[in-house]
Amino acid sequence: MLSEFRKPPVPNPVLLDVMLPDVDGFEVLASLRRHPAFGKVPIIMLTGKATREAVLQGLNGGADGYITKPFEPDALMTAVRTVLGMPEPGAMR
């Protein structure tokens, strides 16, 4: 799984689920945050794990955002724009 992140180009941002088939998403998050090339890449957890503990684990582990499923597409787009520092459509510049 992590080998895919090492292939160019470096992803920006990363949408990461917690419940993955072969590995825990929190472990992937920790590995990415330790890696020099990915330490600053924006990561948004997008997952069905909606407990307070899971949200805190993701955010304390270095996620830039945490969105639970089911989600509204507008909420996802707002989170992506926020972590990338992009203004909302129609926002004054």
Protein backbone atom coordinates (compact mmCIF):
# COMPACT_ATOMS: atom_id res chain seq x y z
CA MET A 1 0.00 0.00 0.00
CA LEU A 2 2.63 2.56 1.00
CA SER A 3 4.69 1.70 -2.07
CA GLU A 4 1.95 3.27 -4.18
CA PHE A 5 2.53 6.60 -2.46
CA ARG A 6 6.21 6.48 -3.41
CA LYS A 7 5.41 6.51 -7.13
CA PRO A 8 5.54 9.95 -8.74
CA PRO A 9 3.86 12.33 -8.53
CA VAL A 10 3.48 12.97 -4.82
CA PRO A 11 -0.28 13.04 -4.10
CA ASN A 12 -1.79 16.29 -2.94
CA PRO A 13 -4.10 15.93 -1.04
CA VAL A 14 -4.64 12.35 0.18
CA LEU A 15 -8.11 11.05 1.04
CA LEU A 16 -7.56 8.15 3.41
CA ASP A 17 -10.02 5.64 4.82
CA VAL A 18 -9.40 4.03 8.19
CA MET A 19 -10.85 0.66 7.27
CA LEU A 20 -8.64 -0.67 4.49
CA PRO A 21 -8.42 -4.31 3.38
CA ASP A 22 -4.76 -4.93 4.22
CA VAL A 23 -3.78 -2.26 6.72
CA ASP A 24 -5.28 0.13 9.24
CA GLY A 25 -5.63 3.67 7.88
CA PHE A 26 -4.29 5.13 11.12
CA GLU A 27 -1.08 3.13 10.53
CA VAL A 28 -0.88 4.50 6.97
CA LEU A 29 -1.36 8.02 8.35
CA ALA A 30 1.45 7.53 10.87
CA SER A 31 3.77 6.12 8.20
CA LEU A 32 3.06 9.01 5.85
CA ARG A 33 3.65 11.57 8.59
CA ARG A 34 7.04 9.99 9.41
CA HIS A 35 8.16 9.98 5.77
CA PRO A 36 10.11 13.11 4.70
CA ALA A 37 8.36 13.40 1.33
CA PHE A 38 4.86 13.08 2.78
CA GLY A 39 5.14 14.78 6.15
CA LYS A 40 3.49 17.96 4.88
CA VAL A 41 1.07 16.46 2.33
CA PRO A 42 -2.51 17.34 3.32
CA ILE A 43 -4.38 14.23 4.47
CA ILE A 44 -8.11 14.06 5.01
CA MET A 45 -9.53 10.97 6.68
CA LEU A 46 -12.73 9.95 4.88
CA THR A 47 -14.20 7.06 6.79
CA GLY A 48 -17.12 5.35 8.43
CA LYS A 49 -15.32 5.34 11.80
CA ALA A 50 -17.27 8.13 13.41
CA THR A 51 -16.57 7.71 17.11
CA ARG A 52 -15.08 10.59 19.05
CA GLU A 53 -12.04 8.43 19.77
CA ALA A 54 -11.48 7.68 16.08
CA VAL A 55 -11.78 11.34 15.10
CA LEU A 56 -9.32 12.36 17.81
CA GLN A 57 -6.94 9.55 16.84
CA GLY A 58 -6.94 10.78 13.24
CA LEU A 59 -6.50 14.44 14.06
CA ASN A 60 -3.92 13.79 16.78
CA GLY A 61 -2.12 11.48 14.35
CA GLY A 62 -1.64 14.30 11.89
CA ALA A 63 -4.72 14.28 9.66
CA ASP A 64 -5.63 17.73 8.39
CA GLY A 65 -9.32 16.87 8.34
CA TYR A 66 -11.71 14.09 9.26
CA ILE A 67 -14.96 13.48 7.40
CA THR A 68 -17.30 10.66 8.28
CA LYS A 69 -19.39 8.57 5.90
CA PRO A 70 -21.98 9.06 4.68
CA PHE A 71 -20.80 12.51 3.68
CA GLU A 72 -22.09 15.41 1.65
CA PRO A 73 -20.00 16.15 -1.45
CA ASP A 74 -20.01 19.86 -0.56
CA ALA A 75 -18.48 19.06 2.83
CA LEU A 76 -15.71 17.08 1.17
CA MET A 77 -15.00 19.85 -1.33
CA THR A 78 -14.90 22.43 1.46
CA ALA A 79 -12.42 20.30 3.40
CA VAL A 80 -10.20 19.83 0.33
CA ARG A 81 -10.25 23.56 -0.44
CA THR A 82 -9.45 24.34 3.19
CA VAL A 83 -6.41 22.04 3.45
CA LEU A 84 -5.14 23.30 0.08
CA GLY A 85 -5.68 26.94 1.06
CA MET A 86 -8.10 27.55 -1.81
CA PRO A 87 -11.00 29.98 -1.51
CA GLU A 88 -14.59 28.81 -1.74
CA PRO A 89 -16.16 29.39 -5.16
CA GLY A 90 -17.62 32.85 -5.33
CA ALA A 91 -15.61 34.04 -2.31
CA MET A 92 -14.16 37.52 -2.57
CA ARG A 93 -10.45 37.60 -3.20
